[in-house]
PDB file of N, CA and C in Angstrom:
ATOM      1  N   UNK A   1       0.740  -1.080  -0.078  1.00  0.00           N
ATOM      2  CA  UNK A   1      -0.013  -0.040   0.140  1.00  0.00           C
ATOM      3  C   UNK A   1       0.877   1.268  -0.119  1.00  0.00           C
ATOM      4  N   UNK A   2       0.550   2.174  -0.874  1.00  0.00           N
ATOM      5  CA  UNK A   2       1.432   3.420  -1.072  1.00  0.00           C
ATOM      6  C   UNK A   2       0.874   4.416   0.015  1.00  0.00           C
ATOM      7  N   UNK A   3       1.769   5.254   0.420  1.00  0.00           N
ATOM      8  CA  UNK A   3       1.401   6.471   1.217  1.00  0.00           C
ATOM      9  C   UNK A   3       0.877   7.654   0.213  1.00  0.00           C
ATOM     10  N   UNK A   4       0.097   8.424   0.897  1.00  0.00           N
ATOM     11  CA  UNK A   4      -0.270   9.595   0.013  1.00  0.00           C
ATOM     12  C   UNK A   4       0.900  10.571   0.018  1.00  0.00           C
ATOM     13  N   UNK A   5       0.926  11.296  -1.085  1.00  0.00           N
ATOM     14  CA  UNK A   5       2.120  12.205  -1.173  1.00  0.00           C
ATOM     15  C   UNK A   5       2.158  13.296  -0.200  1.00  0.00           C
ATOM     16  N   UNK A   6       3.323  13.786   0.158  1.00  0.00           N
ATOM     17  CA  UNK A   6       3.566  14.834   1.101  1.00  0.00           C
ATOM     18  C   UNK A   6       3.294  16.072   0.236  1.00  0.00           C
ATOM     19  N   UNK A   7       2.507  16.872   0.841  1.00  0.00           N
ATOM     20  CA  UNK A   7       2.134  18.052   0.107  1.00  0.00           C
ATOM     21  C   UNK A   7       2.706  19.389   0.804  1.00  0.00           C
ATOM     22  N   UNK A   8       3.306  20.234   0.061  1.00  0.00           N
ATOM     23  CA  UNK A   8       4.001  21.525   0.708  1.00  0.00           C
ATOM     24  C   UNK A   8       3.211  22.747  -0.048  1.00  0.00           C
ATOM     25  N   UNK A   9       2.777  23.544   0.781  1.00  0.00           N
ATOM     26  CA  UNK A   9       2.117  24.740   0.342  1.00  0.00           C
ATOM     27  C   UNK A   9       2.953  25.916   0.669  1.00  0.00           C
ATOM     28  N   UNK A  10       3.448  26.782  -0.111  1.00  0.00           N
ATOM     29  CA  UNK A  10       4.041  27.926   0.044  1.00  0.00           C
ATOM     30  C   UNK A  10       3.286  28.911   0.812  1.00  0.00           C
ATOM     31  N   UNK A  11       3.828  29.569   1.988  1.00  0.00           N
ATOM     32  CA  UNK A  11       3.102  30.392   2.791  1.00  0.00           C
ATOM     33  C   UNK A  11       3.748  31.815   2.818  1.00  0.00           C
ATOM     34  N   UNK A  12       5.130  31.845   2.563  1.00  0.00           N
ATOM     35  CA  UNK A  12       5.772  33.209   2.461  1.00  0.00           C
ATOM     36  C   UNK A  12       7.029  32.942   1.850  1.00  0.00           C
ATOM     37  N   UNK A  13       7.417  34.018   1.082  1.00  0.00           N
ATOM     38  CA  UNK A  13       8.798  34.224   0.539  1.00  0.00           C
ATOM     39  C   UNK A  13       9.278  35.589   0.814  1.00  0.00           C
ATOM     40  N   UNK A  14      10.158  35.790   1.769  1.00  0.00           N
ATOM     41  CA  UNK A  14      10.487  37.082   2.169  1.00  0.00           C
ATOM     42  C   UNK A  14      12.024  37.332   1.848  1.00  0.00           C
ATOM     43  N   UNK A  15      12.419  38.351   1.272  1.00  0.00           N
ATOM     44  CA  UNK A  15      13.823  38.620   0.820  1.00  0.00           C
ATOM     45  C   UNK A  15      14.359  39.416   2.092  1.00  0.00           C
ATOM     46  N   UNK A  16      15.558  39.007   2.646  1.00  0.00           N
ATOM     47  CA  UNK A  16      16.185  39.641   3.660  1.00  0.00           C
ATOM     48  C   UNK A  16      17.212  40.584   2.968  1.00  0.00           C
ATOM     49  N   UNK A  17      16.858  41.934   3.099  1.00  0.00           N
ATOM     50  CA  UNK A  17      17.753  42.821   2.529  1.00  0.00           C
ATOM     51  C   UNK A  17      19.042  43.062   3.185  1.00  0.00           C
ATOM     52  N   UNK A  18      20.173  43.132   2.475  1.00  0.00           N
ATOM     53  CA  UNK A  18      21.416  43.454   3.097  1.00  0.00           C
ATOM     54  C   UNK A  18      22.026  42.106   3.771  1.00  0.00           C
ATOM     55  N   UNK A  19      23.108  42.143   4.081  1.00  0.00           N
ATOM     56  CA  UNK A  19      23.771  40.942   4.741  1.00  0.00           C
ATOM     57  C   UNK A  19      23.318  40.849   6.277  1.00  0.00           C
ATOM     58  N   UNK A  20      22.920  39.646   6.669  1.00  0.00           N
ATOM     59  CA  UNK A  20      22.636  39.348   7.959  1.00  0.00           C
ATOM     60  C   UNK A  20      23.040  38.030   8.366  1.00  0.00           C
ATOM     61  N   UNK A  21      23.923  38.105   9.489  1.00  0.00           N
ATOM     62  CA  UNK A  21      24.272  36.986  10.128  1.00  0.00           C
ATOM     63  C   UNK A  21      23.490  36.424  10.841  1.00  0.00           C
ATOM     64  N   UNK A  22      22.622  35.496  10.737  1.00  0.00           N
ATOM     65  CA  UNK A  22      21.570  34.906  11.643  1.00  0.00           C
ATOM     66  C   UNK A  22      22.415  33.775  12.482  1.00  0.00           C
ATOM     67  N   UNK A  23      22.590  33.902  13.780  1.00  0.00           N
ATOM     68  CA  UNK A  23      23.182  33.139  14.604  1.00  0.00           C
ATOM     69  C   UNK A  23      22.276  32.398  15.489  1.00  0.00           C
ATOM     70  N   UNK A  24      21.080  32.863  15.551  1.00  0.00           N
ATOM     71  CA  UNK A  24      20.074  32.205  16.582  1.00  0.00           C
ATOM     72  C   UNK A  24      18.679  32.486  15.980  1.00  0.00           C
ATOM     73  N   UNK A  25      17.833  31.613  16.195  1.00  0.00           N
ATOM     74  CA  UNK A  25      16.460  31.660  15.870  1.00  0.00           C
ATOM     75  C   UNK A  25      15.778  31.471  17.260  1.00  0.00           C
ATOM     76  N   UNK A  26      14.976  32.485  17.604  1.00  0.00           N
ATOM     77  CA  UNK A  26      14.016  32.462  18.838  1.00  0.00           C
ATOM     78  C   UNK A  26      12.635  32.300  18.403  1.00  0.00           C
ATOM     79  N   UNK A  27      11.981  31.303  18.747  1.00  0.00           N
ATOM     80  CA  UNK A  27      10.658  31.226  18.439  1.00  0.00           C
ATOM     81  C   UNK A  27       9.668  31.503  19.710  1.00  0.00           C
ATOM     82  N   UNK A  28       8.650  32.066  19.504  1.00  0.00           N
ATOM     83  CA  UNK A  28       7.558  32.357  20.634  1.00  0.00           C
ATOM     84  C   UNK A  28       6.299  32.215  20.102  1.00  0.00           C
ATOM     85  N   UNK A  29       5.378  31.563  21.067  1.00  0.00           N
ATOM     86  CA  UNK A  29       3.902  31.743  20.610  1.00  0.00           C
ATOM     87  C   UNK A  29       3.389  32.692  21.497  1.00  0.00           C
ATOM     88  N   UNK A  30       2.602  33.640  20.803  1.00  0.00           N
ATOM     89  CA  UNK A  30       2.088  34.968  21.525  1.00  0.00           C
ATOM     90  C   UNK A  30       0.485  34.831  21.221  1.00  0.00           C
ATOM     91  N   UNK A  31      -0.186  35.112  22.347  1.00  0.00           N
ATOM     92  CA  UNK A  31      -1.515  35.118  22.543  1.00  0.00           C
ATOM     93  C   UNK A  31      -2.035  36.497  22.745  1.00  0.00           C
ATOM     94  N   UNK A  32      -2.934  37.042  21.958  1.00  0.00           N
ATOM     95  CA  UNK A  32      -3.573  38.331  21.998  1.00  0.00           C
ATOM     96  C   UNK A  32      -5.089  38.176  22.515  1.00  0.00           C
ATOM     97  N   UNK A  33      -5.438  38.768  23.589  1.00  0.00           N
ATOM     98  CA  UNK A  33      -6.839  38.654  23.914  1.00  0.00           C
ATOM     99  C   UNK A  33      -7.596  39.464  22.901  1.00  0.00           C
ATOM    100  N   UNK A  34      -9.039  39.301  22.911  1.00  0.00           N
ATOM    101  CA  UNK A  34      -9.881  40.056  22.026  1.00  0.00           C
ATOM    102  C   UNK A  34      -9.581  41.493  22.187  1.00  0.00           C
ATOM    103  N   UNK A  35      -9.403  42.266  20.969  1.00  0.00           N
ATOM    104  CA  UNK A  35      -9.336  43.630  20.759  1.00  0.00           C
ATOM    105  C   UNK A  35      -7.928  44.125  21.370  1.00  0.00           C
ATOM    106  N   UNK A  36      -6.932  43.187  21.577  1.00  0.00           N
ATOM    107  CA  UNK A  36      -5.685  43.631  22.160  1.00  0.00           C
ATOM    108  C   UNK A  36      -5.005  44.408  21.096  1.00  0.00           C
ATOM    109  N   UNK A  37      -4.444  45.534  21.404  1.00  0.00           N
ATOM    110  CA  UNK A  37      -3.617  46.322  20.496  1.00  0.00           C
ATOM    111  C   UNK A  37      -2.185  46.121  21.000  1.00  0.00           C
ATOM    112  N   UNK A  38      -1.290  45.852  20.000  1.00  0.00           N
ATOM    113  CA  UNK A  38       0.118  45.539  20.327  1.00  0.00           C
ATOM    114  C   UNK A  38       0.825  46.730  20.501  1.00  0.00           C
ATOM    115  N   UNK A  39       0.539  47.822  19.787  1.00  0.00           N
ATOM    116  CA  UNK A  39       1.227  49.128  19.866  1.00  0.00           C
ATOM    117  C   UNK A  39       2.164  49.301  18.881  1.00  0.00           C
ATOM    118  N   UNK A  40       2.640  50.444  18.424  1.00  0.00           N
ATOM    119  CA  UNK A  40       3.638  50.747  17.448  1.00  0.00           C
ATOM    120  C   UNK A  40       5.011  50.075  17.914  1.00  0.00           C
ATOM    121  N   UNK A  41       5.669  49.403  17.008  1.00  0.00           N
ATOM    122  CA  UNK A  41       6.937  48.691  17.417  1.00  0.00           C
ATOM    123  C   UNK A  41       7.684  48.416  16.294  1.00  0.00           C
ATOM    124  N   UNK A  42       8.915  47.987  16.596  1.00  0.00           N
ATOM    125  CA  UNK A  42       9.964  47.553  15.504  1.00  0.00           C
ATOM    126  C   UNK A  42      10.866  46.552  16.129  1.00  0.00           C
ATOM    127  N   UNK A  43      11.545  45.776  15.440  1.00  0.00           N
ATOM    128  CA  UNK A  43      12.423  44.731  15.691  1.00  0.00           C
ATOM    129  C   UNK A  43      13.817  45.004  14.916  1.00  0.00           C
ATOM    130  N   UNK A  44      14.809  44.822  15.706  1.00  0.00           N
ATOM    131  CA  UNK A  44      16.242  45.068  15.085  1.00  0.00           C
ATOM    132  C   UNK A  44      16.673  43.825  14.241  1.00  0.00           C
ATOM    133  N   UNK A  45      15.699  42.816  14.138  1.00  0.00           N
ATOM    134  CA  UNK A  45      16.058  41.667  13.462  1.00  0.00           C
ATOM    135  C   UNK A  45      14.743  41.180  12.461  1.00  0.00           C
ATOM    136  N   UNK A  46      14.948  40.519  11.508  1.00  0.00           N
ATOM    137  CA  UNK A  46      13.752  40.167  10.663  1.00  0.00           C
ATOM    138  C   UNK A  46      12.877  39.206  11.625  1.00  0.00           C
ATOM    139  N   UNK A  47      11.652  39.306  11.411  1.00  0.00           N
ATOM    140  CA  UNK A  47      10.763  38.339  11.984  1.00  0.00           C
ATOM    141  C   UNK A  47       9.772  37.752  11.007  1.00  0.00           C
ATOM    142  N   UNK A  48       9.705  36.446  10.978  1.00  0.00           N
ATOM    143  CA  UNK A  48       8.557  35.694  10.304  1.00  0.00           C
ATOM    144  C   UNK A  48       7.739  34.980  11.089  1.00  0.00           C
ATOM    145  N   UNK A  49       6.566  34.701  10.688  1.00  0.00           N
ATOM    146  CA  UNK A  49       5.616  34.172  11.772  1.00  0.00           C
ATOM    147  C   UNK A  49       4.381  33.646  10.842  1.00  0.00           C
ATOM    148  N   UNK A  50       3.497  32.930  11.715  1.00  0.00           N
ATOM    149  CA  UNK A  50       2.452  32.109  11.219  1.00  0.00           C
ATOM    150  C   UNK A  50       1.147  32.380  12.195  1.00  0.00           C
ATOM    151  N   UNK A  51       0.025  32.821  11.801  1.00  0.00           N
ATOM    152  CA  UNK A  51      -1.046  32.803  12.642  1.00  0.00           C
ATOM    153  C   UNK A  51      -1.703  31.546  12.780  1.00  0.00           C
ATOM    154  N   UNK A  52      -1.910  31.032  14.065  1.00  0.00           N
ATOM    155  CA  UNK A  52      -2.485  29.674  14.213  1.00  0.00           C
ATOM    156  C   UNK A  52      -3.999  29.728  14.703  1.00  0.00           C
ATOM    157  N   UNK A  53      -4.428  30.969  15.221  1.00  0.00           N
ATOM    158  CA  UNK A  53      -5.840  31.064  15.516  1.00  0.00           C
ATOM    159  C   UNK A  53      -6.333  32.604  15.423  1.00  0.00           C
ATOM    160  N   UNK A  54      -7.435  32.857  15.096  1.00  0.00           N
ATOM    161  CA  UNK A  54      -7.992  34.137  15.141  1.00  0.00           C
ATOM    162  C   UNK A  54      -7.661  35.003  14.012  1.00  0.00           C
ATOM    163  N   UNK A  55      -7.706  36.255  14.208  1.00  0.00           N
ATOM    164  CA  UNK A  55      -7.536  37.353  13.047  1.00  0.00           C
ATOM    165  C   UNK A  55      -6.663  38.430  13.794  1.00  0.00           C
ATOM    166  N   UNK A  56      -5.803  38.872  12.853  1.00  0.00           N
ATOM    167  CA  UNK A  56      -4.818  40.007  13.231  1.00  0.00           C
ATOM    168  C   UNK A  56      -4.917  41.098  12.135  1.00  0.00           C
ATOM    169  N   UNK A  57      -4.977  42.396  12.608  1.00  0.00           N
ATOM    170  CA  UNK A  57      -4.929  43.609  11.791  1.00  0.00           C
ATOM    171  C   UNK A  57      -3.367  43.775  11.755  1.00  0.00           C
ATOM    172  N   UNK A  58      -2.905  43.808  10.534  1.00  0.00           N
ATOM    173  CA  UNK A  58      -1.417  43.827  10.567  1.00  0.00           C
ATOM    174  C   UNK A  58      -0.961  45.077   9.433  1.00  0.00           C
ATOM    175  N   UNK A  59      -0.123  45.970   9.930  1.00  0.00           N
ATOM    176  CA  UNK A  59       0.201  46.984   9.035  1.00  0.00           C
ATOM    177  C   UNK A  59       1.683  47.376   9.213  1.00  0.00           C
ATOM    178  N   UNK A  60       2.516  47.372   8.275  1.00  0.00           N
ATOM    179  CA  UNK A  60       3.884  47.828   8.030  1.00  0.00           C
ATOM    180  C   UNK A  60       3.665  49.394   7.867  1.00  0.00           C
ATOM    181  N   UNK A  61       4.296  50.175   8.502  1.00  0.00           N
ATOM    182  CA  UNK A  61       4.176  51.718   8.379  1.00  0.00           C
ATOM    183  C   UNK A  61       4.258  52.010   6.801  1.00  0.00           C
ATOM    184  N   UNK A  62       3.513  52.867   6.429  1.00  0.00           N
ATOM    185  CA  UNK A  62       3.443  53.223   4.916  1.00  0.00           C
ATOM    186  C   UNK A  62       2.754  52.360   4.077  1.00  0.00           C
ATOM    187  N   UNK A  63       2.420  51.160   4.433  1.00  0.00           N
ATOM    188  CA  UNK A  63       1.697  50.254   3.524  1.00  0.00           C
ATOM    189  C   UNK A  63       0.214  50.115   4.078  1.00  0.00           C
ATOM    190  N   UNK A  64      -0.687  49.521   3.191  1.00  0.00           N
ATOM    191  CA  UNK A  64      -2.060  49.319   3.499  1.00  0.00           C
ATOM    192  C   UNK A  64      -2.177  48.379   4.598  1.00  0.00           C
ATOM    193  N   UNK A  65      -3.148  48.517   5.566  1.00  0.00           N
ATOM    194  CA  UNK A  65      -3.546  47.563   6.644  1.00  0.00           C
ATOM    195  C   UNK A  65      -4.243  46.375   5.993  1.00  0.00           C
ATOM    196  N   UNK A  66      -3.856  45.092   6.576  1.00  0.00           N
ATOM    197  CA  UNK A  66      -4.681  43.891   6.013  1.00  0.00           C
ATOM    198  C   UNK A  66      -4.866  43.042   7.198  1.00  0.00           C
ATOM    199  N   UNK A  67      -5.777  42.097   7.004  1.00  0.00           N
ATOM    200  CA  UNK A  67      -6.094  41.214   8.046  1.00  0.00           C
ATOM    201  C   UNK A  67      -5.326  39.842   7.699  1.00  0.00           C
ATOM    202  N   UNK A  68      -4.731  39.274   8.799  1.00  0.00           N
ATOM    203  CA  UNK A  68      -4.159  37.985   8.694  1.00  0.00           C
ATOM    204  C   UNK A  68      -4.996  36.918   9.433  1.00  0.00           C
ATOM    205  N   UNK A  69      -5.280  35.886   8.929  1.00  0.00           N
ATOM    206  CA  UNK A  69      -6.112  34.857   9.369  1.00  0.00           C
ATOM    207  C   UNK A  69      -5.383  33.691   9.794  1.00  0.00           C
ATOM    208  N   UNK A  70      -5.935  32.742  10.626  1.00  0.00           N
ATOM    209  CA  UNK A  70      -5.390  31.483  10.880  1.00  0.00           C
ATOM    210  C   UNK A  70      -4.827  30.871   9.585  1.00  0.00           C
ATOM    211  N   UNK A  71      -3.564  30.380   9.560  1.00  0.00           N
ATOM    212  CA  UNK A  71      -3.130  29.819   8.287  1.00  0.00           C
ATOM    213  C   UNK A  71      -2.227  30.810   7.451  1.00  0.00           C
ATOM    214  N   UNK A  72      -2.263  32.189   7.888  1.00  0.00           N
ATOM    215  CA  UNK A  72      -1.574  33.045   7.151  1.00  0.00           C
ATOM    216  C   UNK A  72      -0.088  33.243   7.770  1.00  0.00           C
ATOM    217  N   UNK A  73       0.882  33.492   6.830  1.00  0.00           N
ATOM    218  CA  UNK A  73       2.269  33.714   7.351  1.00  0.00           C
ATOM    219  C   UNK A  73       2.535  35.370   7.155  1.00  0.00           C
ATOM    220  N   UNK A  74       3.465  35.892   8.020  1.00  0.00           N
ATOM    221  CA  UNK A  74       3.759  37.280   7.842  1.00  0.00           C
ATOM    222  C   UNK A  74       5.303  37.563   7.983  1.00  0.00           C
ATOM    223  N   UNK A  75       5.684  38.651   7.549  1.00  0.00           N
ATOM    224  CA  UNK A  75       7.123  39.028   7.585  1.00  0.00           C
ATOM    225  C   UNK A  75       7.218  40.401   8.107  1.00  0.00           C
ATOM    226  N   UNK A  76       8.046  40.673   9.119  1.00  0.00           N
ATOM    227  CA  UNK A  76       8.160  42.066   9.711  1.00  0.00           C
ATOM    228  C   UNK A  76       9.817  42.393   9.310  1.00  0.00           C
ATOM    229  N   UNK A  77      10.077  43.416   8.398  1.00  0.00           N
ATOM    230  CA  UNK A  77      11.286  43.565   8.199  1.00  0.00           C
ATOM    231  C   UNK A  77      12.158  44.193   9.380  1.00  0.00           C
ATOM    232  N   UNK A  78      13.464  44.137   9.436  1.00  0.00           N
ATOM    233  CA  UNK A  78      14.157  44.715  10.536  1.00  0.00           C
ATOM    234  C   UNK A  78      14.159  46.207  10.459  1.00  0.00           C
ATOM    235  N   UNK A  79      14.117  46.727  11.697  1.00  0.00           N
ATOM    236  CA  UNK A  79      14.184  48.252  11.841  1.00  0.00           C
ATOM    237  C   UNK A  79      13.042  49.000  10.952  1.00  0.00           C
ATOM    238  N   UNK A  80      11.917  48.313  10.893  1.00  0.00           N
ATOM    239  CA  UNK A  80      10.809  48.952  10.083  1.00  0.00           C
ATOM    240  C   UNK A  80       9.590  48.924  11.131  1.00  0.00           C
ATOM    241  N   UNK A  81       8.952  50.107  11.134  1.00  0.00           N
ATOM    242  CA  UNK A  81       7.934  50.338  12.128  1.00  0.00           C
ATOM    243  C   UNK A  81       6.650  49.643  11.687  1.00  0.00           C
ATOM    244  N   UNK A  82       6.063  48.779  12.718  1.00  0.00           N
ATOM    245  CA  UNK A  82       4.983  48.022  12.689  1.00  0.00           C
ATOM    246  C   UNK A  82       3.887  48.812  13.363  1.00  0.00           C
ATOM    247  N   UNK A  83       2.970  49.424  12.368  1.00  0.00           N
ATOM    248  CA  UNK A  83       1.848  50.259  12.969  1.00  0.00           C
ATOM    249  C   UNK A  83       0.795  49.474  13.769  1.00  0.00           C
ATOM    250  N   UNK A  84       0.479  48.433  13.191  1.00  0.00           N
ATOM    251  CA  UNK A  84      -0.577  47.537  13.669  1.00  0.00           C
ATOM    252  C   UNK A  84      -0.234  46.034  13.760  1.00  0.00           C
ATOM    253  N   UNK A  85      -0.391  45.503  14.809  1.00  0.00           N
ATOM    254  CA  UNK A  85      -0.288  44.002  14.909  1.00  0.00           C
ATOM    255  C   UNK A  85      -1.252  43.747  16.031  1.00  0.00           C
ATOM    256  N   UNK A  86      -2.665  43.955  15.677  1.00  0.00           N
ATOM    257  CA  UNK A  86      -3.738  43.824  16.707  1.00  0.00           C
ATOM    258  C   UNK A  86      -4.832  42.699  16.362  1.00  0.00           C
ATOM    259  N   UNK A  87      -5.388  42.348  17.502  1.00  0.00           N
ATOM    260  CA  UNK A  87      -6.394  41.247  17.522  1.00  0.00           C
ATOM    261  C   UNK A  87      -7.487  41.943  16.936  1.00  0.00           C
ATOM    262  N   UNK A  88      -7.905  41.383  15.563  1.00  0.00           N
ATOM    263  CA  UNK A  88      -9.087  42.078  15.002  1.00  0.00           C
ATOM    264  C   UNK A  88     -10.530  41.636  15.549  1.00  0.00           C
ATOM    265  N   UNK A  89     -10.547  40.807  16.340  1.00  0.00           N
ATOM    266  CA  UNK A  89     -11.828  40.249  16.923  1.00  0.00           C
ATOM    267  C   UNK A  89     -12.368  40.864  18.396  1.00  0.00           C
ATOM    268  N   UNK A  90     -13.578  41.032  18.329  1.00  0.00           N
ATOM    269  CA  UNK A  90     -14.223  41.463  19.707  1.00  0.00           C
ATOM    270  C   UNK A  90     -14.182  40.337  20.788  1.00  0.00           C
ATOM    271  N   UNK A  91     -14.193  39.042  20.391  1.00  0.00           N
ATOM    272  CA  UNK A  91     -14.439  37.977  21.369  1.00  0.00           C
ATOM    273  C   UNK A  91     -13.743  36.752  21.173  1.00  0.00           C
ATOM    274  N   UNK A  92     -12.756  36.752  20.211  1.00  0.00           N
ATOM    275  CA  UNK A  92     -11.803  35.554  20.090  1.00  0.00           C
ATOM    276  C   UNK A  92     -10.443  35.907  20.301  1.00  0.00           C
ATOM    277  N   UNK A  93      -9.659  34.998  20.959  1.00  0.00           N
ATOM    278  CA  UNK A  93      -8.255  35.036  20.958  1.00  0.00           C
ATOM    279  C   UNK A  93      -7.519  34.984  19.718  1.00  0.00           C
ATOM    280  N   UNK A  94      -6.429  35.710  19.478  1.00  0.00           N
ATOM    281  CA  UNK A  94      -5.599  35.493  18.275  1.00  0.00           C
ATOM    282  C   UNK A  94      -4.244  35.033  18.829  1.00  0.00           C
ATOM    283  N   UNK A  95      -3.779  34.088  17.983  1.00  0.00           N
ATOM    284  CA  UNK A  95      -2.529  33.295  18.448  1.00  0.00           C
ATOM    285  C   UNK A  95      -1.686  33.282  17.193  1.00  0.00           C
ATOM    286  N   UNK A  96      -0.421  33.498  17.440  1.00  0.00           N
ATOM    287  CA  UNK A  96       0.615  33.306  16.349  1.00  0.00           C
ATOM    288  C   UNK A  96       1.860  32.931  16.939  1.00  0.00           C
ATOM    289  N   UNK A  97       2.726  32.283  15.892  1.00  0.00           N
ATOM    290  CA  UNK A  97       4.146  32.093  16.297  1.00  0.00           C
ATOM    291  C   UNK A  97       4.945  32.771  15.502  1.00  0.00           C
ATOM    292  N   UNK A  98       5.903  33.569  16.184  1.00  0.00           N
ATOM    293  CA  UNK A  98       6.892  34.378  15.716  1.00  0.00           C
ATOM    294  C   UNK A  98       8.412  33.812  15.858  1.00  0.00           C
ATOM    295  N   UNK A  99       9.222  33.902  14.742  1.00  0.00           N
ATOM    296  CA  UNK A  99      10.466  33.463  14.659  1.00  0.00           C
ATOM    297  C   UNK A  99      11.402  34.752  14.540  1.00  0.00           C
ATOM    298  N   UNK A 100      12.141  34.911  15.367  1.00  0.00           N
ATOM    299  CA  UNK A 100      13.190  36.095  15.466  1.00  0.00           C
ATOM    300  C   UNK A 100      14.379  35.603  14.890  1.00  0.00           C
ATOM    301  N   UNK A 101      14.792  36.124  13.805  1.00  0.00           N
ATOM    302  CA  UNK A 101      16.121  35.677  13.340  1.00  0.00           C
ATOM    303  C   UNK A 101      17.134  36.670  13.735  1.00  0.00           C
ATOM    304  N   UNK A 102      17.855  36.189  14.885  1.00  0.00           N
ATOM    305  CA  UNK A 102      18.677  37.138  15.673  1.00  0.00           C
ATOM    306  C   UNK A 102      20.195  36.971  15.076  1.00  0.00           C
ATOM    307  N   UNK A 103      20.913  37.986  15.090  1.00  0.00           N
ATOM    308  CA  UNK A 103      22.205  38.053  14.798  1.00  0.00           C
ATOM    309  C   UNK A 103      22.984  38.202  16.166  1.00  0.00           C
ATOM    310  N   UNK A 104      24.418  38.296  16.195  1.00  0.00           N
ATOM    311  CA  UNK A 104      25.121  38.565  17.360  1.00  0.00           C
ATOM    312  C   UNK A 104      24.833  39.756  17.996  1.00  0.00           C
ATOM    313  N   UNK A 105      24.565  40.896  17.261  1.00  0.00           N
ATOM    314  CA  UNK A 105      24.343  42.257  17.797  1.00  0.00           C
ATOM    315  C   UNK A 105      22.955  42.313  18.450  1.00  0.00           C
ATOM    316  N   UNK A 106      21.944  41.395  18.057  1.00  0.00           N
ATOM    317  CA  UNK A 106      20.608  41.635  18.438  1.00  0.00           C
ATOM    318  C   UNK A 106      20.375  41.167  19.983  1.00  0.00           C
ATOM    319  N   UNK A 107      19.774  42.090  20.617  1.00  0.00           N
ATOM    320  CA  UNK A 107      19.463  41.857  22.152  1.00  0.00           C
ATOM    321  C   UNK A 107      18.055  41.720  22.489  1.00  0.00           C
ATOM    322  N   UNK A 108      17.349  42.905  22.475  1.00  0.00           N
ATOM    323  CA  UNK A 108      15.967  42.929  22.633  1.00  0.00           C
ATOM    324  C   UNK A 108      15.180  42.357  21.525  1.00  0.00           C
ATOM    325  N   UNK A 109      14.011  41.759  21.788  1.00  0.00           N
ATOM    326  CA  UNK A 109      13.243  41.153  20.767  1.00  0.00           C
ATOM    327  C   UNK A 109      12.472  42.160  19.937  1.00  0.00           C
ATOM    328  N   UNK A 110      11.925  43.230  20.808  1.00  0.00           N
ATOM    329  CA  UNK A 110      11.044  44.255  20.418  1.00  0.00           C
ATOM    330  C   UNK A 110      11.428  45.618  21.072  1.00  0.00           C
ATOM    331  N   UNK A 111      11.149  46.580  20.281  1.00  0.00           N
ATOM    332  CA  UNK A 111      11.227  47.996  20.781  1.00  0.00           C
ATOM    333  C   UNK A 111       9.837  48.565  20.647  1.00  0.00           C
ATOM    334  N   UNK A 112       9.224  48.986  21.763  1.00  0.00           N
ATOM    335  CA  UNK A 112       8.058  49.713  21.737  1.00  0.00           C
ATOM    336  C   UNK A 112       8.124  51.220  21.447  1.00  0.00           C
ATOM    337  N   UNK A 113       7.286  51.820  20.585  1.00  0.00           N
ATOM    338  CA  UNK A 113       7.537  53.003  20.150  1.00  0.00           C
ATOM    339  C   UNK A 113       6.137  53.952  20.574  1.00  0.00           C
ATOM    340  N   UNK A 114       6.474  55.267  20.862  1.00  0.00           N
ATOM    341  CA  UNK A 114       5.328  56.018  21.082  1.00  0.00           C
ATOM    342  C   UNK A 114       4.312  56.185  19.828  1.00  0.00           C
ATOM    343  N   UNK A 115       3.113  56.323  20.270  1.00  0.00           N
ATOM    344  CA  UNK A 115       2.019  56.469  19.125  1.00  0.00           C
ATOM    345  C   UNK A 115       2.472  57.853  18.505  1.00  0.00           C
ATOM    346  N   UNK A 116       2.039  57.901  17.150  1.00  0.00           N
ATOM    347  CA  UNK A 116       2.241  59.021  16.467  1.00  0.00           C
ATOM    348  C   UNK A 116       1.046  60.119  16.921  1.00  0.00           C
ATOM    349  N   UNK A 117       1.464  61.455  17.029  1.00  0.00           N
ATOM    350  CA  UNK A 117       0.524  62.400  17.150  1.00  0.00           C
ATOM    351  C   UNK A 117      -0.534  62.553  16.416  1.00  0.00           C
TER     352      UNK A 117
END
């Protein structure tokens, strides 16, 4: 009896601009309560991730806002302001897994920024 074929579905292809020595990958599962607003932030390293439950309003500064749903992948470029990464639901938890591509110079995973006036 033969096994069914292994299926691979492409979720994300992100180009890392410039040289980046990735010496460590740190993964975290993050849960956002309903209507939780993450706040403006940035990362010194590239971040890629995958939404496992719920819906997230995602916006890189200067780009349109869009909704990530369970099964969607995302990319946050290094040193780029993330305007929104918020739970888009009034009553459901949003859960995602983030992979931080750290280099030797990267210390803090996230830098919170003040809201724009």
